[in-house]
């Protein structure tokens, strides 16, 4: 499924995802400044958490509320993350938003049976195209 939306139209995407009902893993991919963190901000807000959402670039992970997890794995080695317990973190009940989730991570999640949504964000003028697939 694909949606082309302006920033103020992101709630339409959240309705399609049925975010409040669909806890789980959301891989967010796209170029630098494509809107990954902006999407996470909207998702956290839609889940009723009023916290300042920033990209966890240097921390790798941030937690909002009691069960919302936000990761940035840009240029991080997956094997190192796995050795640090990343897969175990993803098994926690809640919403897991992973910026820079790529096909390598998608294949691993699929192979071990962890379902996820993959959202590719690309720029289309002053809007963003959200290509969504659930696995």
C-alpha atoms as a PDB file:
ATOM      1  CA  UNK A   1       0.000   0.000   0.000  1.00  0.00           C
ATOM      2  CA  UNK A   2       1.217   3.505  -0.749  1.00  0.00           C
ATOM      3  CA  UNK A   3       0.034   6.867   0.539  1.00  0.00           C
ATOM      4  CA  UNK A   4       1.310  10.316  -0.455  1.00  0.00           C
ATOM      5  CA  UNK A   5       0.709  12.742   2.396  1.00  0.00           C
ATOM      6  CA  UNK A   6       1.677  16.147   3.707  1.00  0.00           C
ATOM      7  CA  UNK A   7       2.962  16.283   7.275  1.00  0.00           C
ATOM      8  CA  UNK A   8      -0.427  17.421   8.602  1.00  0.00           C
ATOM      9  CA  UNK A   9      -2.051  14.401   6.894  1.00  0.00           C
ATOM     10  CA  UNK A  10      -0.002  11.769   8.764  1.00  0.00           C
ATOM     11  CA  UNK A  11      -3.036  10.858  10.924  1.00  0.00           C
ATOM     12  CA  UNK A  12      -4.502   9.232   7.779  1.00  0.00           C
ATOM     13  CA  UNK A  13      -1.537   6.842   7.743  1.00  0.00           C
ATOM     14  CA  UNK A  14      -2.020   6.064  11.431  1.00  0.00           C
ATOM     15  CA  UNK A  15      -5.673   5.167  10.777  1.00  0.00           C
ATOM     16  CA  UNK A  16      -4.629   2.792   7.994  1.00  0.00           C
ATOM     17  CA  UNK A  17      -2.094   1.130  10.302  1.00  0.00           C
ATOM     18  CA  UNK A  18      -4.662   0.919  13.128  1.00  0.00           C
ATOM     19  CA  UNK A  19      -1.741   1.840  15.346  1.00  0.00           C
ATOM     20  CA  UNK A  20      -3.572   1.599  18.669  1.00  0.00           C
ATOM     21  CA  UNK A  21      -4.519  -2.028  17.924  1.00  0.00           C
ATOM     22  CA  UNK A  22      -1.253  -3.087  16.319  1.00  0.00           C
ATOM     23  CA  UNK A  23       1.516  -3.249  18.850  1.00  0.00           C
ATOM     24  CA  UNK A  24       4.698  -4.569  17.375  1.00  0.00           C
ATOM     25  CA  UNK A  25       7.696  -3.700  15.270  1.00  0.00           C
ATOM     26  CA  UNK A  26       7.734  -0.888  12.717  1.00  0.00           C
ATOM     27  CA  UNK A  27      10.816  -0.647  10.491  1.00  0.00           C
ATOM     28  CA  UNK A  28      11.171   2.885   9.139  1.00  0.00           C
ATOM     29  CA  UNK A  29      13.491   3.442   6.220  1.00  0.00           C
ATOM     30  CA  UNK A  30      14.253   6.345   3.928  1.00  0.00           C
ATOM     31  CA  UNK A  31      16.965   8.848   3.136  1.00  0.00           C
ATOM     32  CA  UNK A  32      18.312  11.361   5.626  1.00  0.00           C
ATOM     33  CA  UNK A  33      15.627  13.920   6.513  1.00  0.00           C
ATOM     34  CA  UNK A  34      12.896  11.844   4.859  1.00  0.00           C
ATOM     35  CA  UNK A  35      10.625  12.147   7.892  1.00  0.00           C
ATOM     36  CA  UNK A  36      11.297   9.029   9.982  1.00  0.00           C
ATOM     37  CA  UNK A  37      11.497  10.901  13.295  1.00  0.00           C
ATOM     38  CA  UNK A  38       8.533  13.087  12.298  1.00  0.00           C
ATOM     39  CA  UNK A  39       6.497   9.924  11.758  1.00  0.00           C
ATOM     40  CA  UNK A  40       7.559   8.519  15.148  1.00  0.00           C
ATOM     41  CA  UNK A  41       6.542  11.816  16.801  1.00  0.00           C
ATOM     42  CA  UNK A  42       3.078  11.504  15.246  1.00  0.00           C
ATOM     43  CA  UNK A  43       2.816   7.845  16.282  1.00  0.00           C
ATOM     44  CA  UNK A  44       3.810   8.542  19.887  1.00  0.00           C
ATOM     45  CA  UNK A  45       1.338  11.425  20.057  1.00  0.00           C
ATOM     46  CA  UNK A  46      -1.427   9.257  18.551  1.00  0.00           C
ATOM     47  CA  UNK A  47      -0.767   6.700  21.290  1.00  0.00           C
ATOM     48  CA  UNK A  48      -1.508   9.387  23.883  1.00  0.00           C
ATOM     49  CA  UNK A  49       2.010   9.997  25.154  1.00  0.00           C
ATOM     50  CA  UNK A  50       2.995  13.630  25.548  1.00  0.00           C
ATOM     51  CA  UNK A  51       6.778  13.506  25.561  1.00  0.00           C
ATOM     52  CA  UNK A  52       9.399  15.279  23.497  1.00  0.00           C
ATOM     53  CA  UNK A  53      10.320  12.826  20.744  1.00  0.00           C
ATOM     54  CA  UNK A  54      13.807  13.155  19.297  1.00  0.00           C
ATOM     55  CA  UNK A  55      15.933  10.867  17.184  1.00  0.00           C
ATOM     56  CA  UNK A  56      17.958   8.522  19.418  1.00  0.00           C
ATOM     57  CA  UNK A  57      20.927   8.817  17.022  1.00  0.00           C
ATOM     58  CA  UNK A  58      23.659   8.753  19.644  1.00  0.00           C
ATOM     59  CA  UNK A  59      21.816   6.677  22.246  1.00  0.00           C
ATOM     60  CA  UNK A  60      20.487   3.936  19.938  1.00  0.00           C
ATOM     61  CA  UNK A  61      17.237   3.669  21.947  1.00  0.00           C
ATOM     62  CA  UNK A  62      14.729   5.837  23.804  1.00  0.00           C
ATOM     63  CA  UNK A  63      11.575   4.838  25.658  1.00  0.00           C
ATOM     64  CA  UNK A  64       8.362   6.852  25.836  1.00  0.00           C
ATOM     65  CA  UNK A  65       5.576   6.098  28.261  1.00  0.00           C
ATOM     66  CA  UNK A  66       5.532   2.516  29.458  1.00  0.00           C
ATOM     67  CA  UNK A  67       5.701   0.541  26.236  1.00  0.00           C
ATOM     68  CA  UNK A  68       6.888   2.683  23.323  1.00  0.00           C
ATOM     69  CA  UNK A  69      10.446   2.071  22.154  1.00  0.00           C
ATOM     70  CA  UNK A  70      12.289   4.186  19.582  1.00  0.00           C
ATOM     71  CA  UNK A  71      15.550   2.977  18.043  1.00  0.00           C
ATOM     72  CA  UNK A  72      17.993   4.502  15.581  1.00  0.00           C
ATOM     73  CA  UNK A  73      20.269   1.883  14.063  1.00  0.00           C
ATOM     74  CA  UNK A  74      21.902   4.093  11.431  1.00  0.00           C
ATOM     75  CA  UNK A  75      25.352   2.684  10.643  1.00  0.00           C
ATOM     76  CA  UNK A  76      25.112   0.268  13.570  1.00  0.00           C
ATOM     77  CA  UNK A  77      26.365  -3.280  13.100  1.00  0.00           C
ATOM     78  CA  UNK A  78      23.448  -5.690  13.499  1.00  0.00           C
ATOM     79  CA  UNK A  79      25.623  -8.445  14.985  1.00  0.00           C
ATOM     80  CA  UNK A  80      26.834  -6.058  17.674  1.00  0.00           C
ATOM     81  CA  UNK A  81      23.257  -4.991  18.406  1.00  0.00           C
ATOM     82  CA  UNK A  82      22.171  -8.620  18.639  1.00  0.00           C
ATOM     83  CA  UNK A  83      25.042  -9.377  21.042  1.00  0.00           C
ATOM     84  CA  UNK A  84      23.769  -6.518  23.218  1.00  0.00           C
ATOM     85  CA  UNK A  85      20.263  -8.042  23.372  1.00  0.00           C
ATOM     86  CA  UNK A  86      18.485  -6.079  20.637  1.00  0.00           C
ATOM     87  CA  UNK A  87      16.309  -9.010  19.533  1.00  0.00           C
ATOM     88  CA  UNK A  88      15.251  -9.638  23.132  1.00  0.00           C
ATOM     89  CA  UNK A  89      14.238  -5.968  23.372  1.00  0.00           C
ATOM     90  CA  UNK A  90      12.035  -6.385  20.309  1.00  0.00           C
ATOM     91  CA  UNK A  91      10.196  -9.241  22.020  1.00  0.00           C
ATOM     92  CA  UNK A  92       8.941  -6.895  24.755  1.00  0.00           C
ATOM     93  CA  UNK A  93       5.243  -6.073  24.628  1.00  0.00           C
ATOM     94  CA  UNK A  94       4.742  -2.658  23.063  1.00  0.00           C
ATOM     95  CA  UNK A  95       5.433  -0.556  20.015  1.00  0.00           C
ATOM     96  CA  UNK A  96       8.954  -0.657  18.564  1.00  0.00           C
ATOM     97  CA  UNK A  97       9.815   2.055  16.042  1.00  0.00           C
ATOM     98  CA  UNK A  98      13.164   1.370  14.356  1.00  0.00           C
ATOM     99  CA  UNK A  99      14.674   4.139  12.256  1.00  0.00           C
ATOM    100  CA  UNK A 100      16.946   2.816   9.505  1.00  0.00           C
ATOM    101  CA  UNK A 101      15.376  -0.636   9.648  1.00  0.00           C
ATOM    102  CA  UNK A 102      16.597  -2.190   6.419  1.00  0.00           C
ATOM    103  CA  UNK A 103      16.109  -5.356   4.379  1.00  0.00           C
ATOM    104  CA  UNK A 104      18.826  -7.186   6.347  1.00  0.00           C
ATOM    105  CA  UNK A 105      16.941  -6.664   9.595  1.00  0.00           C
ATOM    106  CA  UNK A 106      13.646  -7.478   7.849  1.00  0.00           C
ATOM    107  CA  UNK A 107      15.021 -10.837   6.676  1.00  0.00           C
ATOM    108  CA  UNK A 108      16.238 -11.706  10.167  1.00  0.00           C
ATOM    109  CA  UNK A 109      12.909 -10.781  11.779  1.00  0.00           C
ATOM    110  CA  UNK A 110      11.060 -12.814   9.179  1.00  0.00           C
ATOM    111  CA  UNK A 111      13.361 -15.823   9.674  1.00  0.00           C
ATOM    112  CA  UNK A 112      12.836 -15.858  13.442  1.00  0.00           C
ATOM    113  CA  UNK A 113       9.098 -15.310  13.140  1.00  0.00           C
ATOM    114  CA  UNK A 114       8.758 -11.770  14.501  1.00  0.00           C
ATOM    115  CA  UNK A 115       6.009  -9.964  12.549  1.00  0.00           C
ATOM    116  CA  UNK A 116       6.612  -6.357  11.565  1.00  0.00           C
ATOM    117  CA  UNK A 117       5.512  -3.449   9.406  1.00  0.00           C
ATOM    118  CA  UNK A 118       8.030  -1.964   6.976  1.00  0.00           C
ATOM    119  CA  UNK A 119       7.440   1.667   6.039  1.00  0.00           C
ATOM    120  CA  UNK A 120       9.625   3.183   3.324  1.00  0.00           C
ATOM    121  CA  UNK A 121       9.466   6.979   3.229  1.00  0.00           C
ATOM    122  CA  UNK A 122      10.414   8.882   0.085  1.00  0.00           C
ATOM    123  CA  UNK A 123      10.061  12.542  -0.758  1.00  0.00           C
ATOM    124  CA  UNK A 124       7.535  13.622  -3.381  1.00  0.00           C
ATOM    125  CA  UNK A 125       7.761  17.400  -3.689  1.00  0.00           C
ATOM    126  CA  UNK A 126       6.703  18.837  -0.341  1.00  0.00           C
ATOM    127  CA  UNK A 127       4.930  15.597   0.597  1.00  0.00           C
ATOM    128  CA  UNK A 128       6.108  12.130   1.566  1.00  0.00           C
ATOM    129  CA  UNK A 129       5.229   8.814   0.002  1.00  0.00           C
ATOM    130  CA  UNK A 130       4.746   6.047   2.564  1.00  0.00           C
ATOM    131  CA  UNK A 131       5.134   2.578   1.080  1.00  0.00           C
ATOM    132  CA  UNK A 132       3.783   0.138   3.656  1.00  0.00           C
ATOM    133  CA  UNK A 133       3.982  -3.597   3.854  1.00  0.00           C
ATOM    134  CA  UNK A 134       3.146  -5.839   6.759  1.00  0.00           C
ATOM    135  CA  UNK A 135       4.903  -9.118   7.364  1.00  0.00           C
END
